[in-house]
Protein backbone atom coordinates (compact mmCIF):
# COMPACT_ATOMS: atom_id res chain seq x y z
CA MET A 1 38.33 46.33 4.70
CA GLU A 2 37.99 49.11 3.36
CA TYR A 3 38.68 50.08 -0.25
CA VAL A 4 38.26 53.11 -1.98
CA SER A 5 39.11 53.20 -5.81
CA GLN A 6 38.63 56.35 -8.46
CA ALA A 7 40.14 56.87 -12.08
CA PRO A 8 43.10 59.52 -12.58
CA GLN A 9 41.97 62.93 -14.74
CA PRO A 10 43.47 63.63 -18.34
CA PRO A 11 47.06 63.09 -19.04
CA LEU A 12 47.67 60.75 -16.16
CA ASP A 13 44.35 58.48 -17.39
CA GLY A 14 46.78 57.42 -19.88
CA LEU A 15 49.61 56.00 -17.19
CA ILE A 16 47.23 54.61 -15.09
CA ASP A 17 44.50 52.46 -14.26
CA ASP A 18 43.62 53.78 -10.87
CA LEU A 19 44.20 55.09 -7.42
CA TYR A 20 43.29 53.34 -4.56
CA TYR A 21 42.79 53.82 -0.71
CA LEU A 22 42.86 50.51 1.84
CA ALA A 23 42.91 50.13 5.42
CA GLY A 24 41.69 47.59 7.37
CA THR A 25 42.52 44.11 8.65
CA PRO A 26 44.30 41.85 5.85
CA PRO A 27 42.16 38.71 4.93
CA TYR A 28 45.39 37.02 5.58
CA ALA A 29 49.00 38.10 7.30
CA ARG A 30 50.73 36.65 4.44
CA LEU A 31 49.02 37.00 0.49
CA THR A 32 51.05 36.02 -2.92
CA LEU A 33 50.54 37.89 -5.37
CA PRO A 34 51.31 36.43 -9.16
CA PRO A 35 53.03 38.71 -12.51
CA ALA A 36 49.79 41.13 -13.78
CA PRO A 37 50.65 43.32 -16.51
CA SER A 38 50.93 46.01 -14.17
CA ALA A 39 52.98 48.07 -12.31
CA LEU A 40 52.39 49.69 -8.55
CA LEU A 41 53.20 52.47 -6.13
CA ILE A 42 52.22 52.09 -2.34
CA VAL A 43 52.62 54.88 0.36
CA ASN A 44 52.39 53.44 3.68
CA LEU A 45 50.43 55.40 6.79
CA GLY A 46 50.33 52.50 8.95
CA ALA A 47 52.94 49.67 10.34
CA PRO A 48 56.00 48.53 8.15
CA PHE A 49 54.74 46.17 5.67
CA ARG A 50 57.63 43.02 4.09
CA ILE A 51 58.04 41.92 0.66
CA ARG A 52 59.11 38.48 -0.04
CA THR A 53 60.60 37.97 -3.72
CA GLY A 54 62.48 34.50 -4.32
CA ARG A 55 64.64 33.90 -0.96
CA GLU A 56 65.03 37.88 -0.19
CA THR A 57 62.53 40.16 2.40
CA ALA A 58 62.30 43.02 3.06
CA GLU A 59 60.11 45.66 5.23
CA TYR A 60 58.81 48.97 3.97
CA ALA A 61 58.18 51.66 6.32
CA ASP A 62 57.09 54.61 3.70
CA GLY A 63 55.61 52.70 1.12
CA CYS A 64 57.22 51.06 -2.48
CA VAL A 65 57.75 50.58 -5.76
CA ILE A 66 57.21 47.89 -8.26
CA THR A 67 57.57 47.61 -11.89
CA MET A 68 56.02 45.25 -13.69
CA PRO A 69 57.29 41.91 -12.10
CA THR A 70 58.25 38.43 -13.73
CA ARG A 71 57.39 36.10 -10.46
CA ALA A 72 55.16 35.98 -7.86
CA TYR A 73 55.92 37.70 -4.98
CA GLU A 74 55.07 37.65 -0.53
CA PHE A 75 53.43 40.66 1.10
CA GLY A 76 53.32 40.57 4.09
CA TYR A 77 50.68 42.65 6.10
CA PRO A 78 50.96 44.15 9.78
CA PRO A 79 47.74 43.80 11.58
CA ARG A 80 46.18 46.61 10.43
CA THR A 81 46.98 48.68 7.43
CA ARG A 82 46.35 51.87 5.93
CA SER A 83 47.60 53.33 2.48
CA VAL A 84 47.17 54.66 -0.29
CA GLY A 85 48.79 53.20 -3.51
CA VAL A 86 48.48 53.44 -7.64
CA HIS A 87 47.80 50.56 -10.36
CA PHE A 88 49.70 51.93 -13.13
CA LYS A 89 49.65 50.49 -16.64
CA PRO A 90 52.66 48.16 -17.28
CA TRP A 91 54.84 51.91 -18.79
CA GLY A 92 52.87 54.39 -16.55
CA LEU A 93 55.76 54.24 -13.79
CA ALA A 94 58.75 55.33 -15.96
CA PRO A 95 57.65 59.13 -16.15
CA PHE A 96 58.07 59.11 -12.37
CA LEU A 97 61.32 56.91 -11.98
CA PRO A 98 65.00 58.08 -12.43
CA MET A 99 66.49 55.01 -13.81
CA PRO A 100 65.38 52.47 -16.45
CA ALA A 101 62.48 50.37 -15.33
CA ALA A 102 64.61 47.35 -15.79
CA GLU A 103 66.63 48.04 -13.06
CA LEU A 104 64.32 47.73 -10.43
CA CYS A 105 62.45 44.27 -12.21
CA ASP A 106 61.52 42.01 -9.40
CA ARG A 107 63.52 44.25 -7.29
CA PRO A 108 61.00 46.55 -5.07
CA VAL A 109 62.82 49.78 -3.51
CA THR A 110 61.21 51.90 -1.19
CA ILE A 111 59.34 55.31 -2.20
CA GLU A 112 62.56 57.62 -0.52
CA GLN A 113 64.99 55.65 -3.13
CA VAL A 114 62.90 56.80 -6.27
CA TRP A 115 61.79 60.39 -4.73
CA GLY A 116 64.03 61.03 -1.94
CA ARG A 117 63.24 61.52 1.77
CA PRO A 118 61.58 65.12 2.19
CA ALA A 119 59.66 64.48 -0.43
CA ILE A 120 58.11 60.98 0.82
CA ALA A 121 57.97 62.70 4.03
CA GLU A 122 56.13 65.93 3.46
CA LEU A 123 53.80 63.61 1.26
CA ARG A 124 53.23 61.12 4.09
CA ASP A 125 52.43 64.12 6.58
CA ARG A 126 49.95 65.94 3.91
CA LEU A 127 48.18 62.13 3.80
CA ALA A 128 48.14 61.45 7.28
CA THR A 129 46.59 64.44 8.04
CA ALA A 130 43.61 64.65 5.08
CA THR A 131 40.39 64.45 5.70
CA GLY A 132 38.96 61.46 4.00
CA PRO A 133 40.16 58.66 1.60
CA HIS A 134 38.79 60.76 -1.69
CA GLU A 135 40.65 63.69 -0.14
CA MET A 136 43.84 61.35 0.04
CA LEU A 137 43.97 60.62 -3.54
CA ALA A 138 43.07 64.28 -4.73
CA LEU A 139 46.70 64.83 -2.98
CA LEU A 140 48.40 61.55 -4.24
CA GLU A 141 47.14 62.40 -7.85
CA ALA A 142 48.22 66.54 -7.37
CA GLU A 143 51.96 64.76 -6.52
CA LEU A 144 51.98 62.04 -9.49
CA ARG A 145 51.17 65.28 -12.07
CA ARG A 146 53.60 67.57 -10.42
CA ARG A 147 56.46 64.98 -11.16
CA LEU A 148 54.98 64.06 -14.36
CA THR A 149 58.00 64.30 -16.42
CA GLU A 150 58.48 63.35 -20.65
CA THR A 151 59.76 60.13 -21.53
CA ALA A 152 61.61 59.26 -24.98
CA GLY A 153 59.85 56.21 -26.40
CA LEU A 154 56.44 56.44 -24.33
CA GLY A 155 54.46 56.44 -27.41
CA LEU A 156 56.10 53.86 -29.33
CA VAL A 157 55.64 51.35 -25.88
CA ARG A 158 52.20 52.36 -25.39
CA GLU A 159 50.89 51.72 -28.51
CA MET A 160 52.71 48.08 -28.91
CA SER A 161 51.71 47.56 -25.24
CA GLY A 162 48.29 48.25 -26.31
CA ILE A 163 48.06 45.88 -29.66
CA ILE A 164 49.65 43.16 -27.17
CA ALA A 165 46.61 43.97 -24.33
CA ALA A 166 44.05 43.82 -27.29
CA THR A 167 44.96 40.48 -28.29
CA ARG A 168 45.65 39.36 -24.81
CA GLY A 169 48.57 38.05 -25.51
CA VAL A 170 48.21 36.36 -28.20
CA VAL A 171 50.08 38.18 -30.80
CA ALA A 172 53.09 37.27 -33.19
CA ILE A 173 56.09 39.66 -31.68
CA GLY A 174 58.06 39.85 -34.20
CA GLY A 175 55.08 41.94 -36.66
CA LEU A 176 54.79 44.54 -33.50
CA SER A 177 58.16 45.65 -34.88
CA ASP A 178 57.36 45.90 -38.22
CA ALA A 179 53.95 47.42 -37.16
CA ALA A 180 56.39 49.89 -35.31
CA GLY A 181 58.61 50.32 -38.14
CA VAL A 182 61.39 49.91 -36.01
CA SER A 183 63.93 46.43 -35.20
CA SER A 184 62.81 44.48 -32.77
CA THR A 185 66.00 45.01 -30.99
CA HIS A 186 64.94 48.69 -30.51
CA LEU A 187 61.78 47.93 -29.38
CA ALA A 188 62.96 45.37 -27.13
CA GLN A 189 65.30 48.15 -25.75
CA ARG A 190 62.53 50.59 -25.03
CA PHE A 191 60.30 48.07 -23.39
CA LYS A 192 62.81 47.08 -21.25
CA ALA A 193 63.39 50.89 -19.83
CA LEU A 194 60.05 51.71 -19.75
CA VAL A 195 57.87 48.59 -18.70
CA GLY A 196 60.86 46.36 -17.30
CA VAL A 197 60.45 43.73 -19.21
CA THR A 198 60.48 42.91 -23.35
CA PRO A 199 56.80 42.41 -25.69
CA LYS A 200 57.20 38.42 -24.85
CA ARG A 201 57.38 38.84 -21.50
CA LEU A 202 54.45 41.42 -21.63
CA ALA A 203 53.01 39.80 -23.96
CA ARG A 204 52.93 36.10 -21.50
CA THR A 205 51.74 38.06 -18.35
CA HIS A 206 48.72 39.19 -20.40
CA ARG A 207 47.95 35.90 -21.71
CA PHE A 208 48.01 34.52 -18.10
CA THR A 209 46.48 36.93 -16.31
CA ALA A 210 43.64 36.69 -19.05
CA THR A 211 43.02 33.34 -18.50
CA VAL A 212 43.08 33.31 -14.40
CA PHE A 213 40.37 36.11 -14.63
CA ALA A 214 38.43 33.82 -16.79
CA ILE A 215 38.41 30.86 -14.16
CA ASP A 216 35.36 30.46 -12.30
CA PRO A 217 36.71 29.13 -8.58
CA ALA A 218 32.75 28.50 -7.49
CA GLY A 219 32.52 26.21 -10.54
CA PRO A 220 33.95 23.45 -12.39
CA VAL A 221 36.83 23.96 -14.68
CA ASP A 222 37.68 22.41 -17.85
CA TRP A 223 41.61 23.21 -17.43
CA GLY A 224 42.73 21.86 -21.44
CA ASP A 225 39.55 23.73 -23.40
CA LEU A 226 40.79 27.06 -21.10
CA ALA A 227 44.40 26.60 -22.36
CA GLY A 228 43.25 26.03 -26.31
CA ARG A 229 40.70 29.25 -25.70
CA ALA A 230 44.34 30.73 -24.18
CA GLY A 231 46.40 30.04 -26.68
CA TYR A 232 48.63 27.79 -25.19
CA PHE A 233 49.71 24.57 -27.47
CA ASP A 234 48.64 22.44 -25.22
CA GLN A 235 47.64 21.42 -21.51
CA ALA A 236 51.59 20.90 -20.36
CA HIS A 237 52.66 24.06 -21.48
CA PHE A 238 49.73 25.60 -20.11
CA GLY A 239 50.87 24.23 -17.08
CA HIS A 240 54.28 25.15 -17.37
CA GLU A 241 53.41 28.76 -16.93
CA PHE A 242 51.09 28.37 -14.17
CA ARG A 243 53.63 26.94 -11.98
CA GLU A 244 56.23 29.81 -13.02
CA PHE A 245 53.56 32.65 -12.79
CA THR A 246 52.25 31.29 -9.41
CA GLY A 247 54.51 28.14 -7.58
CA PHE A 248 51.43 26.29 -8.03
CA THR A 249 49.88 23.70 -10.69
CA PRO A 250 46.42 24.55 -11.89
CA THR A 251 44.81 22.61 -9.43
CA GLN A 252 46.98 23.80 -6.61
CA TYR A 253 46.30 27.33 -7.60
CA LEU A 254 41.73 26.52 -7.58
CA GLU A 255 42.45 24.90 -4.25
CA VAL A 256 43.79 28.34 -2.68
CA ARG A 257 41.51 29.93 -4.53
CA ARG A 258 38.37 28.25 -3.31
CA ARG A 259 39.84 28.51 0.10
CA PHE A 260 39.63 32.54 -0.17
CA LEU A 261 36.22 32.28 -1.47
CA ARG A 262 34.68 30.00 1.54
CA GLU A 263 36.80 31.60 4.30
CA HIS A 264 36.33 35.20 2.93
CA PRO A 265 32.98 35.17 0.79
CA GLY A 266 33.10 38.16 -1.04
CA HIS A 267 36.54 40.25 0.18
CA THR A 268 37.38 43.18 -2.08
CA LEU A 269 40.78 41.58 -2.56
CA ASP A 270 39.29 37.97 -4.04
CA GLY A 271 40.47 37.12 -7.28
CA TRP A 272 43.73 38.02 -7.58
CA PRO A 273 46.14 38.07 -4.29
CA LEU A 274 46.20 33.97 -3.01
CA PRO A 275 46.19 33.46 0.75
CA ALA A 276 50.22 32.47 1.94
CA ASP A 277 49.61 31.42 4.97
């Protein structure tokens, strides 16, 4: 698969980790994506793809918008895929949404539902006639810059989210509201409106993500030591979090990661998505 990534220019760099282009044959027809402290927007330029959340499966032709999830979801690719997308920071999608982020939590929607059919049809036409990935990403960045709006409470959520990220999720949530000078209720409301989840849930996701990225699937793993360094109470607590976030036990997860590594060594998607086939 071809994968091209680039960072945006200010002021979008405070909202977005990267914009990317993805095209080619997926390593697996179905991939499971565990929750991560990130929101996602995809503009689809190929055949429709499918997303399964829980027991519901929906098809997306124009693309999709996903606020920060609380559980794993399954992504079903066509035989060949082509798209451009945006990896947003947890709060980064809020200035581009016409509704609170909490309304979309674990409920992916089409871009048409967010921006309207004429707008996404025009954008897809312009992307389809671009000369290459970098021009496509420049067009997408320009569209986002045009749609950027002022969002109440964004500075507060961004600052507190930064503290959570800096501690890899190991932070006293009660201390955040004290540091911000607001009530815990107000802080939770702002987070749910702009991120889709509470500060506590964001912290849990950051801690889980940092723990997973510390795993080297090619070597032996000391689960007890890993859990302790990540700040989990004990290995049982760690295992419970793993099952809630991925649907796997830690050892099952490691087996799936090793399968990906064995069957597609060095693949651009290895590291977070898991084969669901």
